[in-house]
C-alpha atoms as a PDB file:
ATOM      1  CA  MET A   1      31.507  11.022 -40.054  1.00  0.00           C
ATOM      2  CA  SER A   2      30.590   9.719 -36.685  1.00  0.00           C
ATOM      3  CA  PRO A   3      33.162   7.438 -34.983  1.00  0.00           C
ATOM      4  CA  TRP A   4      32.496   3.660 -35.172  1.00  0.00           C
ATOM      5  CA  ILE A   5      34.222   0.539 -33.973  1.00  0.00           C
ATOM      6  CA  TYR A   6      33.969  -3.010 -35.402  1.00  0.00           C
ATOM      7  CA  VAL A   7      33.872  -5.476 -32.468  1.00  0.00           C
ATOM      8  CA  ALA A   8      34.525  -9.154 -33.213  1.00  0.00           C
ATOM      9  CA  SER A   9      33.919 -12.284 -31.273  1.00  0.00           C
ATOM     10  CA  LEU A  10      37.380 -13.844 -30.517  1.00  0.00           C
ATOM     11  CA  ALA A  11      35.973 -17.376 -30.298  1.00  0.00           C
ATOM     12  CA  ASP A  12      34.645 -17.071 -33.838  1.00  0.00           C
ATOM     13  CA  TYR A  13      37.786 -15.435 -35.085  1.00  0.00           C
ATOM     14  CA  VAL A  14      39.983 -18.245 -33.652  1.00  0.00           C
ATOM     15  CA  ALA A  15      37.596 -20.742 -35.305  1.00  0.00           C
ATOM     16  CA  GLY A  16      38.040 -18.991 -38.706  1.00  0.00           C
ATOM     17  CA  ARG A  17      34.602 -17.358 -38.738  1.00  0.00           C
ATOM     18  CA  LEU A  18      33.946 -13.665 -39.063  1.00  0.00           C
ATOM     19  CA  HIS A  19      31.355 -12.662 -36.475  1.00  0.00           C
ATOM     20  CA  GLY A  20      31.116  -9.121 -35.262  1.00  0.00           C
ATOM     21  CA  LYS A  21      29.243  -5.863 -35.383  1.00  0.00           C
ATOM     22  CA  TRP A  22      29.828  -2.200 -36.266  1.00  0.00           C
ATOM     23  CA  ILE A  23      28.946  -0.201 -33.215  1.00  0.00           C
ATOM     24  CA  ALA A  24      28.524   3.606 -32.930  1.00  0.00           C
ATOM     25  CA  ALA A  25      31.258   4.877 -30.584  1.00  0.00           C
ATOM     26  CA  ASP A  26      29.432   8.179 -29.709  1.00  0.00           C
ATOM     27  CA  GLN A  27      27.293   6.556 -27.115  1.00  0.00           C
ATOM     28  CA  SER A  28      27.783   5.518 -23.488  1.00  0.00           C
ATOM     29  CA  PRO A  29      30.121   2.668 -22.660  1.00  0.00           C
ATOM     30  CA  GLU A  30      27.153   0.867 -21.173  1.00  0.00           C
ATOM     31  CA  ASP A  31      25.177   1.054 -24.407  1.00  0.00           C
ATOM     32  CA  MET A  32      28.193  -0.106 -26.415  1.00  0.00           C
ATOM     33  CA  GLY A  33      28.633  -2.929 -23.899  1.00  0.00           C
ATOM     34  CA  ALA A  34      25.020  -3.961 -24.382  1.00  0.00           C
ATOM     35  CA  GLU A  35      25.567  -4.197 -28.167  1.00  0.00           C
ATOM     36  CA  VAL A  36      28.735  -6.206 -27.586  1.00  0.00           C
ATOM     37  CA  THR A  37      26.912  -8.621 -25.326  1.00  0.00           C
ATOM     38  CA  ALA A  38      24.126  -8.984 -27.913  1.00  0.00           C
ATOM     39  CA  MET A  39      26.674  -9.646 -30.625  1.00  0.00           C
ATOM     40  CA  LEU A  40      28.394 -12.358 -28.562  1.00  0.00           C
ATOM     41  CA  ALA A  41      25.018 -13.915 -27.679  1.00  0.00           C
ATOM     42  CA  ALA A  42      24.171 -14.182 -31.411  1.00  0.00           C
ATOM     43  CA  SER A  43      27.356 -16.144 -32.141  1.00  0.00           C
ATOM     44  CA  SER A  44      27.041 -19.756 -33.236  1.00  0.00           C
ATOM     45  CA  ASP A  45      29.974 -20.496 -30.874  1.00  0.00           C
ATOM     46  CA  PRO A  46      28.711 -21.455 -27.460  1.00  0.00           C
ATOM     47  CA  TYR A  47      31.970 -20.197 -25.893  1.00  0.00           C
ATOM     48  CA  ALA A  48      31.808 -16.752 -27.384  1.00  0.00           C
ATOM     49  CA  GLU A  49      32.715 -14.507 -24.385  1.00  0.00           C
ATOM     50  CA  GLU A  50      35.662 -12.513 -25.362  1.00  0.00           C
ATOM     51  CA  TRP A  51      35.803  -9.722 -27.928  1.00  0.00           C
ATOM     52  CA  ALA A  52      38.229  -7.379 -29.542  1.00  0.00           C
ATOM     53  CA  ILE A  53      38.096  -4.204 -31.640  1.00  0.00           C
ATOM     54  CA  HIS A  54      39.207  -5.177 -35.100  1.00  0.00           C
ATOM     55  CA  ASP A  55      38.506  -1.906 -37.009  1.00  0.00           C
ATOM     56  CA  HIS A  56      37.406   1.610 -36.552  1.00  0.00           C
ATOM     57  CA  GLU A  57      36.469   4.614 -38.582  1.00  0.00           C
ATOM     58  CA  GLY A  58      35.559   8.259 -37.928  1.00  0.00           C
ATOM     59  CA  PHE A  59      38.398   8.818 -35.510  1.00  0.00           C
ATOM     60  CA  ASP A  60      40.470  10.715 -38.173  1.00  0.00           C
ATOM     61  CA  GLY A  61      43.755   8.959 -37.707  1.00  0.00           C
ATOM     62  CA  ILE A  62      43.574   8.256 -33.954  1.00  0.00           C
ATOM     63  CA  GLU A  63      44.663   4.729 -33.347  1.00  0.00           C
ATOM     64  CA  ILE A  64      42.127   2.580 -31.411  1.00  0.00           C
ATOM     65  CA  GLY A  65      43.715  -0.581 -29.930  1.00  0.00           C
ATOM     66  CA  GLU A  66      42.039  -3.900 -30.191  1.00  0.00           C
ATOM     67  CA  HIS A  67      41.855  -4.090 -26.377  1.00  0.00           C
ATOM     68  CA  ASP A  68      40.986  -0.496 -25.609  1.00  0.00           C
ATOM     69  CA  SER A  69      38.166  -0.287 -23.118  1.00  0.00           C
ATOM     70  CA  LEU A  70      34.751   0.848 -24.211  1.00  0.00           C
ATOM     71  CA  GLU A  71      35.276   3.774 -21.725  1.00  0.00           C
ATOM     72  CA  THR A  72      38.364   4.886 -23.559  1.00  0.00           C
ATOM     73  CA  VAL A  73      36.598   4.494 -27.015  1.00  0.00           C
ATOM     74  CA  ALA A  74      33.561   6.546 -25.883  1.00  0.00           C
ATOM     75  CA  ALA A  75      35.813   9.299 -24.381  1.00  0.00           C
ATOM     76  CA  LEU A  76      37.835   9.517 -27.613  1.00  0.00           C
ATOM     77  CA  ALA A  77      34.732   9.610 -29.660  1.00  0.00           C
ATOM     78  CA  GLN A  78      33.416  12.553 -27.576  1.00  0.00           C
ATOM     79  CA  LEU A  79      36.781  14.351 -27.847  1.00  0.00           C
ATOM     80  CA  VAL A  80      36.857  14.102 -31.674  1.00  0.00           C
ATOM     81  CA  SER A  81      33.321  15.417 -31.913  1.00  0.00           C
ATOM     82  CA  GLU A  82      34.178  18.431 -29.789  1.00  0.00           C
ATOM     83  CA  HIS A  83      37.756  19.322 -30.825  1.00  0.00           C
ATOM     84  CA  PRO A  84      40.001  19.071 -33.947  1.00  0.00           C
ATOM     85  CA  PRO A  85      40.661  15.286 -34.285  1.00  0.00           C
ATOM     86  CA  GLU A  86      44.196  16.099 -35.316  1.00  0.00           C
ATOM     87  CA  VAL A  87      44.894  17.742 -31.933  1.00  0.00           C
ATOM     88  CA  VAL A  88      43.284  14.898 -30.098  1.00  0.00           C
ATOM     89  CA  GLY A  89      45.454  12.520 -32.076  1.00  0.00           C
ATOM     90  CA  TYR A  90      48.537  14.502 -31.414  1.00  0.00           C
ATOM     91  CA  LEU A  91      47.923  14.442 -27.668  1.00  0.00           C
ATOM     92  CA  ARG A  92      47.104  10.764 -27.736  1.00  0.00           C
ATOM     93  CA  GLY A  93      50.400  10.312 -29.463  1.00  0.00           C
ATOM     94  CA  GLU A  94      52.048  11.965 -26.533  1.00  0.00           C
ATOM     95  CA  GLY A  95      50.765   9.079 -24.442  1.00  0.00           C
ATOM     96  CA  LEU A  96      47.900  11.002 -22.808  1.00  0.00           C
ATOM     97  CA  GLU A  97      44.744   9.260 -21.696  1.00  0.00           C
ATOM     98  CA  PRO A  98      41.350  10.707 -22.714  1.00  0.00           C
ATOM     99  CA  GLU A  99      40.753  12.545 -19.454  1.00  0.00           C
ATOM    100  CA  ASP A 100      44.340  14.032 -19.723  1.00  0.00           C
ATOM    101  CA  ILE A 101      43.692  15.027 -23.299  1.00  0.00           C
ATOM    102  CA  ALA A 102      40.516  16.917 -22.366  1.00  0.00           C
ATOM    103  CA  GLU A 103      42.495  18.725 -19.619  1.00  0.00           C
ATOM    104  CA  ALA A 104      45.399  19.484 -21.966  1.00  0.00           C
ATOM    105  CA  ILE A 105      42.965  20.895 -24.561  1.00  0.00           C
ATOM    106  CA  ASP A 106      41.347  23.041 -21.864  1.00  0.00           C
ATOM    107  CA  ASP A 107      44.767  24.318 -20.618  1.00  0.00           C
ATOM    108  CA  ARG A 108      46.763  24.514 -23.857  1.00  0.00           C
ATOM    109  CA  PHE A 109      44.570  24.833 -26.943  1.00  0.00           C
ATOM    110  CA  CYS A 110      44.622  28.346 -28.305  1.00  0.00           C
ATOM    111  CA  GLY A 111      42.347  27.857 -31.384  1.00  0.00           C
ATOM    112  CA  VAL A 112      42.810  27.176 -35.038  1.00  0.00           C
ATOM    113  CA  HIS A 113      44.362  29.944 -37.014  1.00  0.00           C
ATOM    114  CA  ASP A 114      45.903  30.482 -40.486  1.00  0.00           C
ATOM    115  CA  SER A 115      49.363  30.771 -38.970  1.00  0.00           C
ATOM    116  CA  LEU A 116      51.154  31.290 -35.643  1.00  0.00           C
ATOM    117  CA  THR A 117      51.664  34.879 -36.700  1.00  0.00           C
ATOM    118  CA  ASP A 118      47.846  35.319 -37.002  1.00  0.00           C
ATOM    119  CA  TYR A 119      47.548  33.952 -33.446  1.00  0.00           C
ATOM    120  CA  ALA A 120      50.173  36.408 -32.313  1.00  0.00           C
ATOM    121  CA  CYS A 121      48.241  39.246 -33.957  1.00  0.00           C
ATOM    122  CA  GLU A 122      45.068  38.133 -32.110  1.00  0.00           C
ATOM    123  CA  TRP A 123      47.145  37.912 -28.830  1.00  0.00           C
ATOM    124  CA  ILE A 124      48.343  41.416 -29.360  1.00  0.00           C
ATOM    125  CA  ASP A 125      44.840  42.675 -30.088  1.00  0.00           C
ATOM    126  CA  ASP A 126      43.549  41.009 -26.910  1.00  0.00           C
ATOM    127  CA  LEU A 127      46.009  43.075 -24.926  1.00  0.00           C
ATOM    128  CA  GLY A 128      44.071  46.159 -25.637  1.00  0.00           C
ATOM    129  CA  ASP A 129      45.207  49.378 -27.210  1.00  0.00           C
ATOM    130  CA  LEU A 130      48.563  49.259 -28.895  1.00  0.00           C
ATOM    131  CA  PRO A 131      50.286  52.607 -28.717  1.00  0.00           C
ATOM    132  CA  GLU A 132      49.787  54.487 -31.954  1.00  0.00           C
ATOM    133  CA  ALA A 133      53.454  54.514 -32.769  1.00  0.00           C
ATOM    134  CA  TYR A 134      53.400  50.709 -32.924  1.00  0.00           C
ATOM    135  CA  ARG A 135      50.131  50.046 -34.734  1.00  0.00           C
ATOM    136  CA  GLU A 136      51.647  50.136 -38.292  1.00  0.00           C
ATOM    137  CA  TYR A 137      54.217  47.546 -37.070  1.00  0.00           C
ATOM    138  CA  ARG A 138      51.691  45.206 -35.545  1.00  0.00           C
ATOM    139  CA  TRP A 139      52.192  42.482 -38.189  1.00  0.00           C
ATOM    140  CA  SER A 140      56.028  42.709 -37.954  1.00  0.00           C
ATOM    141  CA  ILE A 141      55.798  42.521 -34.152  1.00  0.00           C
ATOM    142  CA  ALA A 142      53.513  39.486 -34.501  1.00  0.00           C
ATOM    143  CA  GLN A 143      55.878  37.792 -36.901  1.00  0.00           C
ATOM    144  CA  ALA A 144      58.730  38.316 -34.497  1.00  0.00           C
ATOM    145  CA  MET A 145      56.693  37.050 -31.548  1.00  0.00           C
ATOM    146  CA  ALA A 146      55.576  33.891 -33.547  1.00  0.00           C
ATOM    147  CA  HIS A 147      59.178  33.178 -34.476  1.00  0.00           C
ATOM    148  CA  ASP A 148      60.358  33.558 -30.949  1.00  0.00           C
ATOM    149  CA  TRP A 149      57.487  31.366 -29.587  1.00  0.00           C
ATOM    150  CA  GLU A 150      58.206  28.639 -32.128  1.00  0.00           C
ATOM    151  CA  VAL A 151      62.014  28.678 -31.637  1.00  0.00           C
ATOM    152  CA  GLY A 152      61.703  28.996 -27.918  1.00  0.00           C
ATOM    153  CA  GLY A 153      59.110  26.256 -27.663  1.00  0.00           C
ATOM    154  CA  ALA A 154      56.380  28.294 -26.029  1.00  0.00           C
ATOM    155  CA  TYR A 155      53.855  27.297 -28.572  1.00  0.00           C
ATOM    156  CA  PHE A 156      53.664  24.645 -31.353  1.00  0.00           C
ATOM    157  CA  THR A 157      51.183  24.011 -34.142  1.00  0.00           C
ATOM    158  CA  VAL A 158      49.292  20.964 -35.426  1.00  0.00           C
ATOM    159  CA  ARG A 159      47.989  21.043 -39.044  1.00  0.00           C
ATOM    160  CA  THR A 160      44.240  20.388 -39.158  1.00  0.00           C
ATOM    161  CA  SER A 161      41.733  20.360 -41.998  1.00  0.00           C
ATOM    162  CA  GLU A 162      40.741  23.855 -40.871  1.00  0.00           C
ATOM    163  CA  GLY A 163      44.156  25.434 -40.496  1.00  0.00           C
ATOM    164  CA  LEU A 164      46.845  25.382 -37.788  1.00  0.00           C
ATOM    165  CA  ALA A 165      45.858  24.476 -34.267  1.00  0.00           C
ATOM    166  CA  VAL A 166      47.960  26.423 -31.803  1.00  0.00           C
ATOM    167  CA  LEU A 167      48.872  24.834 -28.471  1.00  0.00           C
ATOM    168  CA  ALA A 168      50.894  26.225 -25.677  1.00  0.00           C
ATOM    169  CA  ASN A 169      53.685  23.954 -24.554  1.00  0.00           C
ATOM    170  CA  ALA A 170      53.132  22.263 -21.255  1.00  0.00           C
END
């Protein structure tokens, strides 16, 4: 589902009227702003100038604040369309702004796997040829590495709808 926000006229809200519009968040802040301006202009209240985000959907658990800027909303919408929303939400929960979330994903995201051990196996495979004497122990080595990574804090996981997202610790 594409991300959407419900933007309401605050003058109407204070007057006890519901006046607002659902706006697609996967567009430019300027285009969203034009829709907000049109919504306010269509209000029966002559003083309808201020707005707030009163609802949202399609952000998969990422909280959108009523006074978040349209730039922030557009950036978060783009992030959830390109990356696992649960990872975006986790990093947002760490207090990161959208541009920092994008950078953190570029720097720290190691993909979605069935387990941290599966990621460790992939990591081992990427090293190149494992000496023959160790090949039959590859899974055991990966389990030990995953345990050490988790206990030592080198990596952590975030459950997603697709599996476990693995992120390197900052």
